[in-house]
Amino acid sequence: MSDPVSTTADYFADDSDFDRIHRGLRRSRIPAERATLLDWKAAITERRARLHTSVFGPDPNPHEDGRDLSVSLAHSARLLRIIGNAERCRDIGVWVPCDDALEDPVADLMQAFVRRPRRRLLRRLCVAWCPLVGGQAVETIACLPFPRWWIR
């Protein structure tokens, strides 16, 4: 059994990294750099999903049919990876799926996003994903910092 203090410290260890990630996402115009930042955020979120129940115990959200926050965090990480993959695909201009079932219902939006990322498209992705993963997970994508050069 792990030490609860160590587990809690592990859970919050990357808080300062989130600030660096957000600043980088707001500034960067380079798709590969943005993809790396999104993958970094996804890795932190995946670890938090694994540790959440150990740190906080069961944490069902009554507004999401009782979905546990650890599940929402895992969904958030998947969405971050998908958006990160879209950033990587911008270099070639064609959407190449990364084999996540959450990509199927939004394939047309992902193709448009790869060609020219827009805030409006990100919002439409959030609307499409919400019934599948819940608002808590989608909020991670909806609250991503936009670079100033993205158009509406």
N, C-alpha and C. Protein backbone atom coordinates (compact mmCIF):
# COMPACT_ATOMS: atom_id res chain seq x y z
N MET A 1 0.85 -1.19 0.00
CA MET A 1 0.00 0.00 0.00
C MET A 1 0.89 1.24 0.00
N SER A 2 0.54 2.21 -0.83
CA SER A 2 1.36 3.41 -0.94
C SER A 2 1.06 4.39 0.18
N ASP A 3 2.02 5.22 0.46
CA ASP A 3 1.91 6.26 1.47
C ASP A 3 0.97 7.35 0.97
N PRO A 4 -0.11 7.67 1.72
CA PRO A 4 -1.08 8.68 1.25
C PRO A 4 -0.46 10.07 1.01
N VAL A 5 0.52 10.44 1.83
CA VAL A 5 1.16 11.75 1.66
C VAL A 5 1.95 11.76 0.35
N SER A 6 2.67 10.70 0.07
CA SER A 6 3.43 10.61 -1.18
C SER A 6 2.51 10.61 -2.38
N THR A 7 1.42 9.89 -2.28
CA THR A 7 0.46 9.82 -3.38
C THR A 7 -0.12 11.20 -3.66
N THR A 8 -0.49 11.92 -2.61
CA THR A 8 -1.03 13.27 -2.77
C THR A 8 0.02 14.20 -3.38
N ALA A 9 1.25 14.09 -2.91
CA ALA A 9 2.33 14.91 -3.46
C ALA A 9 2.54 14.59 -4.94
N ASP A 10 2.47 13.31 -5.31
CA ASP A 10 2.59 12.92 -6.72
C ASP A 10 1.47 13.51 -7.55
N TYR A 11 0.27 13.53 -6.98
CA TYR A 11 -0.90 14.05 -7.70
C TYR A 11 -0.70 15.52 -8.07
N PHE A 12 -0.19 16.30 -7.14
CA PHE A 12 -0.06 17.74 -7.35
C PHE A 12 1.32 18.18 -7.82
N ALA A 13 2.21 17.24 -8.06
CA ALA A 13 3.60 17.55 -8.40
C ALA A 13 3.74 18.40 -9.66
N ASP A 14 2.84 18.27 -10.58
CA ASP A 14 2.98 18.95 -11.87
C ASP A 14 2.15 20.21 -12.01
N ASP A 15 1.65 20.75 -10.92
CA ASP A 15 0.83 21.96 -11.02
C ASP A 15 1.56 23.10 -11.73
N SER A 16 2.83 23.29 -11.44
CA SER A 16 3.55 24.39 -12.09
C SER A 16 3.76 24.11 -13.58
N ASP A 17 3.79 22.82 -13.95
CA ASP A 17 3.92 22.47 -15.37
C ASP A 17 2.69 22.91 -16.15
N PHE A 18 1.52 22.84 -15.53
CA PHE A 18 0.30 23.29 -16.21
C PHE A 18 0.42 24.76 -16.62
N ASP A 19 1.00 25.58 -15.76
CA ASP A 19 1.20 26.99 -16.11
C ASP A 19 2.11 27.13 -17.32
N ARG A 20 3.22 26.39 -17.32
CA ARG A 20 4.15 26.44 -18.46
C ARG A 20 3.47 25.96 -19.74
N ILE A 21 2.69 24.90 -19.62
CA ILE A 21 1.99 24.36 -20.79
C ILE A 21 1.02 25.40 -21.35
N HIS A 22 0.25 26.02 -20.49
CA HIS A 22 -0.74 27.00 -20.94
C HIS A 22 -0.07 28.22 -21.59
N ARG A 23 1.01 28.69 -20.99
CA ARG A 23 1.73 29.81 -21.61
C ARG A 23 2.26 29.41 -22.99
N GLY A 24 2.80 28.22 -23.07
CA GLY A 24 3.32 27.74 -24.35
C GLY A 24 2.24 27.60 -25.40
N LEU A 25 1.09 27.08 -25.02
CA LEU A 25 -0.01 26.93 -25.98
C LEU A 25 -0.52 28.29 -26.46
N ARG A 26 -0.53 29.25 -25.59
CA ARG A 26 -1.01 30.58 -25.97
C ARG A 26 -0.06 31.25 -26.97
N ARG A 27 1.23 30.98 -26.85
CA ARG A 27 2.23 31.66 -27.67
C ARG A 27 2.62 30.93 -28.94
N SER A 28 2.60 29.62 -28.91
CA SER A 28 3.21 28.85 -30.00
C SER A 28 2.38 28.84 -31.28
N ARG A 29 3.09 29.01 -32.39
CA ARG A 29 2.50 28.88 -33.72
C ARG A 29 2.97 27.59 -34.39
N ILE A 30 3.86 26.87 -33.75
CA ILE A 30 4.47 25.68 -34.34
C ILE A 30 3.66 24.44 -33.96
N PRO A 31 3.02 23.79 -34.94
CA PRO A 31 2.16 22.64 -34.63
C PRO A 31 2.86 21.54 -33.83
N ALA A 32 4.08 21.20 -34.18
CA ALA A 32 4.79 20.13 -33.46
C ALA A 32 5.03 20.51 -32.00
N GLU A 33 5.33 21.77 -31.77
CA GLU A 33 5.53 22.26 -30.40
C GLU A 33 4.22 22.21 -29.62
N ARG A 34 3.14 22.64 -30.25
CA ARG A 34 1.82 22.59 -29.60
C ARG A 34 1.44 21.14 -29.29
N ALA A 35 1.73 20.23 -30.22
CA ALA A 35 1.43 18.81 -30.00
C ALA A 35 2.19 18.27 -28.80
N THR A 36 3.45 18.65 -28.69
CA THR A 36 4.26 18.20 -27.55
C THR A 36 3.69 18.71 -26.24
N LEU A 37 3.29 19.97 -26.22
CA LEU A 37 2.68 20.54 -25.01
C LEU A 37 1.38 19.83 -24.65
N LEU A 38 0.56 19.52 -25.64
CA LEU A 38 -0.70 18.82 -25.39
C LEU A 38 -0.45 17.39 -24.90
N ASP A 39 0.56 16.74 -25.46
CA ASP A 39 0.91 15.39 -24.99
C ASP A 39 1.41 15.43 -23.55
N TRP A 40 2.17 16.46 -23.22
CA TRP A 40 2.67 16.63 -21.85
C TRP A 40 1.50 16.81 -20.89
N LYS A 41 0.55 17.65 -21.27
CA LYS A 41 -0.64 17.86 -20.43
C LYS A 41 -1.45 16.57 -20.32
N ALA A 42 -1.55 15.81 -21.41
CA ALA A 42 -2.27 14.54 -21.39
C ALA A 42 -1.60 13.55 -20.44
N ALA A 43 -0.28 13.49 -20.45
CA ALA A 43 0.45 12.57 -19.57
C ALA A 43 0.21 12.91 -18.10
N ILE A 44 0.23 14.19 -17.78
CA ILE A 44 -0.05 14.61 -16.40
C ILE A 44 -1.48 14.23 -16.02
N THR A 45 -2.41 14.47 -16.93
CA THR A 45 -3.82 14.19 -16.68
C THR A 45 -4.05 12.69 -16.53
N GLU A 46 -3.37 11.87 -17.34
CA GLU A 46 -3.48 10.41 -17.20
C GLU A 46 -2.99 9.95 -15.83
N ARG A 47 -1.86 10.51 -15.39
CA ARG A 47 -1.35 10.13 -14.07
C ARG A 47 -2.33 10.53 -12.99
N ARG A 48 -2.91 11.71 -13.11
CA ARG A 48 -3.90 12.14 -12.11
C ARG A 48 -5.13 11.25 -12.13
N ALA A 49 -5.51 10.78 -13.30
CA ALA A 49 -6.65 9.86 -13.38
C ALA A 49 -6.37 8.59 -12.58
N ARG A 50 -5.14 8.08 -12.71
CA ARG A 50 -4.76 6.86 -11.98
C ARG A 50 -4.70 7.09 -10.47
N LEU A 51 -4.26 8.28 -10.06
CA LEU A 51 -4.06 8.56 -8.63
C LEU A 51 -5.29 9.13 -7.94
N HIS A 52 -6.23 9.61 -8.69
CA HIS A 52 -7.35 10.38 -8.12
C HIS A 52 -8.07 9.66 -6.99
N THR A 53 -8.45 8.44 -7.21
CA THR A 53 -9.21 7.71 -6.20
C THR A 53 -8.37 7.46 -4.95
N SER A 54 -7.07 7.22 -5.11
CA SER A 54 -6.20 7.03 -3.94
C SER A 54 -6.10 8.30 -3.11
N VAL A 55 -6.12 9.45 -3.77
CA VAL A 55 -5.96 10.72 -3.07
C VAL A 55 -7.30 11.20 -2.50
N PHE A 56 -8.36 11.12 -3.27
CA PHE A 56 -9.63 11.72 -2.88
C PHE A 56 -10.73 10.71 -2.55
N GLY A 57 -10.49 9.44 -2.82
CA GLY A 57 -11.54 8.44 -2.66
C GLY A 57 -12.49 8.51 -3.84
N PRO A 58 -13.55 7.73 -3.81
CA PRO A 58 -14.53 7.80 -4.90
C PRO A 58 -15.08 9.23 -4.99
N ASP A 59 -15.23 9.69 -6.22
CA ASP A 59 -15.62 11.08 -6.43
C ASP A 59 -16.64 11.18 -7.55
N PRO A 60 -17.83 10.57 -7.34
CA PRO A 60 -18.83 10.61 -8.41
C PRO A 60 -19.42 12.00 -8.58
N ASN A 61 -19.67 12.35 -9.84
CA ASN A 61 -20.26 13.65 -10.15
C ASN A 61 -21.75 13.44 -10.42
N PRO A 62 -22.62 13.94 -9.56
CA PRO A 62 -24.05 13.73 -9.74
C PRO A 62 -24.59 14.40 -11.01
N HIS A 63 -23.88 15.40 -11.53
CA HIS A 63 -24.33 16.10 -12.74
C HIS A 63 -23.94 15.34 -14.00
N GLU A 64 -23.17 14.26 -13.85
CA GLU A 64 -22.76 13.46 -14.99
C GLU A 64 -23.12 11.99 -14.76
N ASP A 65 -24.33 11.78 -14.28
CA ASP A 65 -24.84 10.43 -14.03
C ASP A 65 -23.92 9.61 -13.13
N GLY A 66 -23.25 10.27 -12.20
CA GLY A 66 -22.40 9.58 -11.24
C GLY A 66 -21.03 9.19 -11.76
N ARG A 67 -20.64 9.68 -12.93
CA ARG A 67 -19.31 9.36 -13.47
C ARG A 67 -18.25 9.86 -12.49
N ASP A 68 -17.32 8.99 -12.15
CA ASP A 68 -16.26 9.35 -11.22
C ASP A 68 -15.29 10.32 -11.89
N LEU A 69 -14.74 11.24 -11.10
CA LEU A 69 -13.81 12.22 -11.65
C LEU A 69 -12.57 11.54 -12.25
N SER A 70 -12.17 10.40 -11.71
CA SER A 70 -11.02 9.70 -12.30
C SER A 70 -11.32 9.27 -13.73
N VAL A 71 -12.54 8.90 -14.01
CA VAL A 71 -12.95 8.53 -15.37
C VAL A 71 -12.96 9.78 -16.26
N SER A 72 -13.47 10.88 -15.73
CA SER A 72 -13.47 12.13 -16.49
C SER A 72 -12.06 12.58 -16.82
N LEU A 73 -11.15 12.42 -15.86
CA LEU A 73 -9.75 12.78 -16.12
C LEU A 73 -9.15 11.90 -17.21
N ALA A 74 -9.47 10.62 -17.19
CA ALA A 74 -8.96 9.72 -18.23
C ALA A 74 -9.50 10.12 -19.60
N HIS A 75 -10.78 10.50 -19.66
CA HIS A 75 -11.36 10.99 -20.92
C HIS A 75 -10.68 12.29 -21.36
N SER A 76 -10.41 13.17 -20.41
CA SER A 76 -9.74 14.43 -20.72
C SER A 76 -8.39 14.16 -21.38
N ALA A 77 -7.66 13.22 -20.84
CA ALA A 77 -6.35 12.89 -21.40
C ALA A 77 -6.49 12.38 -22.84
N ARG A 78 -7.50 11.56 -23.09
CA ARG A 78 -7.73 11.06 -24.46
C ARG A 78 -8.02 12.22 -25.41
N LEU A 79 -8.85 13.16 -24.98
CA LEU A 79 -9.18 14.31 -25.83
C LEU A 79 -7.95 15.17 -26.09
N LEU A 80 -7.13 15.36 -25.07
CA LEU A 80 -5.90 16.13 -25.26
C LEU A 80 -4.98 15.45 -26.27
N ARG A 81 -4.89 14.14 -26.21
CA ARG A 81 -4.06 13.41 -27.17
C ARG A 81 -4.61 13.55 -28.60
N ILE A 82 -5.91 13.52 -28.73
CA ILE A 82 -6.52 13.67 -30.06
C ILE A 82 -6.23 15.06 -30.63
N ILE A 83 -6.39 16.09 -29.81
CA ILE A 83 -6.09 17.45 -30.27
C ILE A 83 -4.59 17.58 -30.56
N GLY A 84 -3.77 16.97 -29.74
CA GLY A 84 -2.33 16.97 -29.98
C GLY A 84 -1.99 16.30 -31.31
N ASN A 85 -2.65 15.20 -31.61
CA ASN A 85 -2.45 14.53 -32.89
C ASN A 85 -2.88 15.44 -34.05
N ALA A 86 -3.96 16.17 -33.85
CA ALA A 86 -4.42 17.10 -34.89
C ALA A 86 -3.37 18.17 -35.14
N GLU A 87 -2.74 18.64 -34.09
CA GLU A 87 -1.67 19.64 -34.27
C GLU A 87 -0.53 19.04 -35.09
N ARG A 88 -0.15 17.79 -34.79
CA ARG A 88 0.91 17.14 -35.56
C ARG A 88 0.50 16.99 -37.03
N CYS A 89 -0.75 16.67 -37.26
CA CYS A 89 -1.25 16.47 -38.62
C CYS A 89 -1.29 17.77 -39.42
N ARG A 90 -1.29 18.91 -38.75
CA ARG A 90 -1.30 20.19 -39.46
C ARG A 90 -0.08 20.33 -40.35
N ASP A 91 1.03 19.71 -39.96
CA ASP A 91 2.24 19.78 -40.78
C ASP A 91 2.05 19.12 -42.15
N ILE A 92 1.21 18.09 -42.22
CA ILE A 92 0.98 17.41 -43.50
C ILE A 92 -0.34 17.83 -44.14
N GLY A 93 -1.20 18.50 -43.36
CA GLY A 93 -2.45 19.04 -43.90
C GLY A 93 -3.57 18.03 -44.06
N VAL A 94 -3.39 16.83 -43.52
CA VAL A 94 -4.41 15.78 -43.63
C VAL A 94 -4.57 15.11 -42.27
N TRP A 95 -5.80 14.89 -41.88
CA TRP A 95 -6.09 14.23 -40.62
C TRP A 95 -5.74 12.74 -40.72
N VAL A 96 -4.90 12.28 -39.81
CA VAL A 96 -4.54 10.87 -39.70
C VAL A 96 -4.95 10.43 -38.30
N PRO A 97 -6.02 9.63 -38.19
CA PRO A 97 -6.51 9.23 -36.86
C PRO A 97 -5.46 8.50 -36.05
N CYS A 98 -5.57 8.61 -34.73
CA CYS A 98 -4.64 7.91 -33.83
C CYS A 98 -5.31 6.73 -33.15
N ASP A 99 -6.32 6.18 -33.78
CA ASP A 99 -6.99 4.96 -33.32
C ASP A 99 -7.65 5.08 -31.95
N ASP A 100 -8.36 6.15 -31.74
CA ASP A 100 -9.18 6.32 -30.55
C ASP A 100 -10.63 6.39 -31.01
N ALA A 101 -11.49 5.62 -30.40
CA ALA A 101 -12.90 5.58 -30.81
C ALA A 101 -13.58 6.95 -30.71
N LEU A 102 -13.04 7.85 -29.91
CA LEU A 102 -13.62 9.19 -29.79
C LEU A 102 -13.39 10.03 -31.04
N GLU A 103 -12.53 9.58 -31.93
CA GLU A 103 -12.28 10.32 -33.17
C GLU A 103 -13.36 10.08 -34.21
N ASP A 104 -13.96 8.90 -34.21
CA ASP A 104 -14.92 8.52 -35.25
C ASP A 104 -16.06 9.51 -35.42
N PRO A 105 -16.74 9.92 -34.33
CA PRO A 105 -17.88 10.83 -34.53
C PRO A 105 -17.49 12.25 -34.93
N VAL A 106 -16.21 12.58 -34.89
CA VAL A 106 -15.80 13.95 -35.19
C VAL A 106 -14.78 14.02 -36.33
N ALA A 107 -14.70 12.97 -37.13
CA ALA A 107 -13.67 12.90 -38.19
C ALA A 107 -13.74 14.10 -39.14
N ASP A 108 -14.94 14.50 -39.53
CA ASP A 108 -15.05 15.65 -40.45
C ASP A 108 -14.57 16.94 -39.79
N LEU A 109 -14.90 17.12 -38.52
CA LEU A 109 -14.44 18.31 -37.80
C LEU A 109 -12.92 18.29 -37.62
N MET A 110 -12.36 17.10 -37.38
CA MET A 110 -10.91 17.00 -37.21
C MET A 110 -10.20 17.36 -38.51
N GLN A 111 -10.74 16.92 -39.64
CA GLN A 111 -10.13 17.26 -40.93
C GLN A 111 -10.13 18.77 -41.14
N ALA A 112 -11.23 19.41 -40.80
CA ALA A 112 -11.31 20.87 -40.93
C ALA A 112 -10.36 21.56 -39.96
N PHE A 113 -10.26 21.03 -38.75
CA PHE A 113 -9.38 21.60 -37.73
C PHE A 113 -7.91 21.51 -38.15
N VAL A 114 -7.55 20.40 -38.78
CA VAL A 114 -6.17 20.21 -39.24
C VAL A 114 -5.82 21.23 -40.32
N ARG A 115 -6.76 21.49 -41.21
CA ARG A 115 -6.50 22.45 -42.28
C ARG A 115 -6.33 23.87 -41.74
N ARG A 116 -7.19 24.24 -40.80
CA ARG A 116 -7.13 25.59 -40.25
C ARG A 116 -7.82 25.61 -38.88
N PRO A 117 -7.02 25.56 -37.80
CA PRO A 117 -7.63 25.54 -36.47
C PRO A 117 -8.38 26.83 -36.19
N ARG A 118 -9.56 26.66 -35.66
CA ARG A 118 -10.40 27.81 -35.32
C ARG A 118 -11.06 27.55 -33.98
N ARG A 119 -11.28 28.58 -33.26
CA ARG A 119 -11.98 28.46 -31.98
C ARG A 119 -13.36 27.84 -32.18
N ARG A 120 -14.02 28.25 -33.23
CA ARG A 120 -15.36 27.75 -33.52
C ARG A 120 -15.34 26.22 -33.69
N LEU A 121 -14.33 25.71 -34.39
CA LEU A 121 -14.23 24.26 -34.59
C LEU A 121 -13.96 23.53 -33.28
N LEU A 122 -13.12 24.12 -32.44
CA LEU A 122 -12.85 23.51 -31.14
C LEU A 122 -14.13 23.44 -30.31
N ARG A 123 -14.94 24.48 -30.37
CA ARG A 123 -16.23 24.47 -29.67
C ARG A 123 -17.15 23.38 -30.22
N ARG A 124 -17.17 23.24 -31.55
CA ARG A 124 -18.01 22.20 -32.15
C ARG A 124 -17.53 20.80 -31.76
N LEU A 125 -16.23 20.62 -31.64
CA LEU A 125 -15.70 19.35 -31.16
C LEU A 125 -16.18 19.07 -29.74
N CYS A 126 -16.15 20.09 -28.91
CA CYS A 126 -16.61 19.94 -27.53
C CYS A 126 -18.08 19.54 -27.47
N VAL A 127 -18.89 20.17 -28.29
CA VAL A 127 -20.32 19.84 -28.33
C VAL A 127 -20.53 18.39 -28.76
N ALA A 128 -19.76 17.95 -29.75
CA ALA A 128 -19.89 16.57 -30.25
C ALA A 128 -19.41 15.55 -29.21
N TRP A 129 -18.36 15.88 -28.47
CA TRP A 129 -17.81 14.94 -27.50
C TRP A 129 -18.57 14.90 -26.18
N CYS A 130 -19.25 15.97 -25.84
CA CYS A 130 -19.90 16.07 -24.53
C CYS A 130 -20.82 14.89 -24.20
N PRO A 131 -21.70 14.45 -25.11
CA PRO A 131 -22.56 13.31 -24.76
C PRO A 131 -21.77 12.01 -24.56
N LEU A 132 -20.58 11.94 -25.12
CA LEU A 132 -19.79 10.71 -25.04
C LEU A 132 -18.93 10.63 -23.78
N VAL A 133 -18.38 11.77 -23.36
CA VAL A 133 -17.44 11.75 -22.24
C VAL A 133 -17.85 12.65 -21.08
N GLY A 134 -18.86 13.47 -21.28
CA GLY A 134 -19.33 14.35 -20.22
C GLY A 134 -18.67 15.72 -20.24
N GLY A 135 -19.34 16.66 -19.62
CA GLY A 135 -18.88 18.04 -19.60
C GLY A 135 -17.58 18.25 -18.87
N GLN A 136 -17.35 17.48 -17.82
CA GLN A 136 -16.11 17.63 -17.05
C GLN A 136 -14.89 17.37 -17.94
N ALA A 137 -14.94 16.33 -18.73
CA ALA A 137 -13.81 16.00 -19.62
C ALA A 137 -13.69 17.01 -20.75
N VAL A 138 -14.81 17.39 -21.32
CA VAL A 138 -14.80 18.33 -22.43
C VAL A 138 -14.29 19.70 -22.00
N GLU A 139 -14.50 20.05 -20.75
CA GLU A 139 -14.04 21.34 -20.25
C GLU A 139 -12.53 21.49 -20.42
N THR A 140 -11.80 20.40 -20.33
CA THR A 140 -10.35 20.45 -20.52
C THR A 140 -9.99 20.99 -21.89
N ILE A 141 -10.76 20.59 -22.89
CA ILE A 141 -10.52 21.05 -24.26
C ILE A 141 -11.09 22.46 -24.44
N ALA A 142 -12.27 22.69 -23.90
CA ALA A 142 -12.91 24.00 -24.04
C ALA A 142 -12.07 25.12 -23.40
N CYS A 143 -11.32 24.78 -22.38
CA CYS A 143 -10.53 25.79 -21.65
C CYS A 143 -9.08 25.87 -22.11
N LEU A 144 -8.74 25.17 -23.18
CA LEU A 144 -7.37 25.29 -23.69
C LEU A 144 -7.11 26.73 -24.10
N PRO A 145 -5.94 27.23 -23.79
CA PRO A 145 -5.61 28.58 -24.24
C PRO A 145 -5.47 28.63 -25.75
N PHE A 146 -6.04 29.64 -26.34
CA PHE A 146 -5.95 29.82 -27.79
C PHE A 146 -4.79 30.73 -28.10
N PRO A 147 -4.03 30.41 -29.12
CA PRO A 147 -3.04 31.40 -29.56
C PRO A 147 -3.78 32.59 -30.16
N ARG A 148 -3.21 33.73 -30.06
CA ARG A 148 -3.86 34.94 -30.54
C ARG A 148 -4.15 34.91 -32.03
N TRP A 149 -3.39 34.13 -32.78
CA TRP A 149 -3.55 34.12 -34.24
C TRP A 149 -4.70 33.23 -34.71
N TRP A 150 -5.26 32.40 -33.82
CA TRP A 150 -6.42 31.61 -34.23
C TRP A 150 -7.58 32.55 -34.50
N ILE A 151 -8.29 32.29 -35.56
CA ILE A 151 -9.46 33.11 -35.84
C ILE A 151 -10.69 32.45 -35.23
N ARG A 152 -11.70 33.21 -35.16
CA ARG A 152 -12.93 32.70 -34.56
C ARG A 152 -13.61 31.78 -35.53
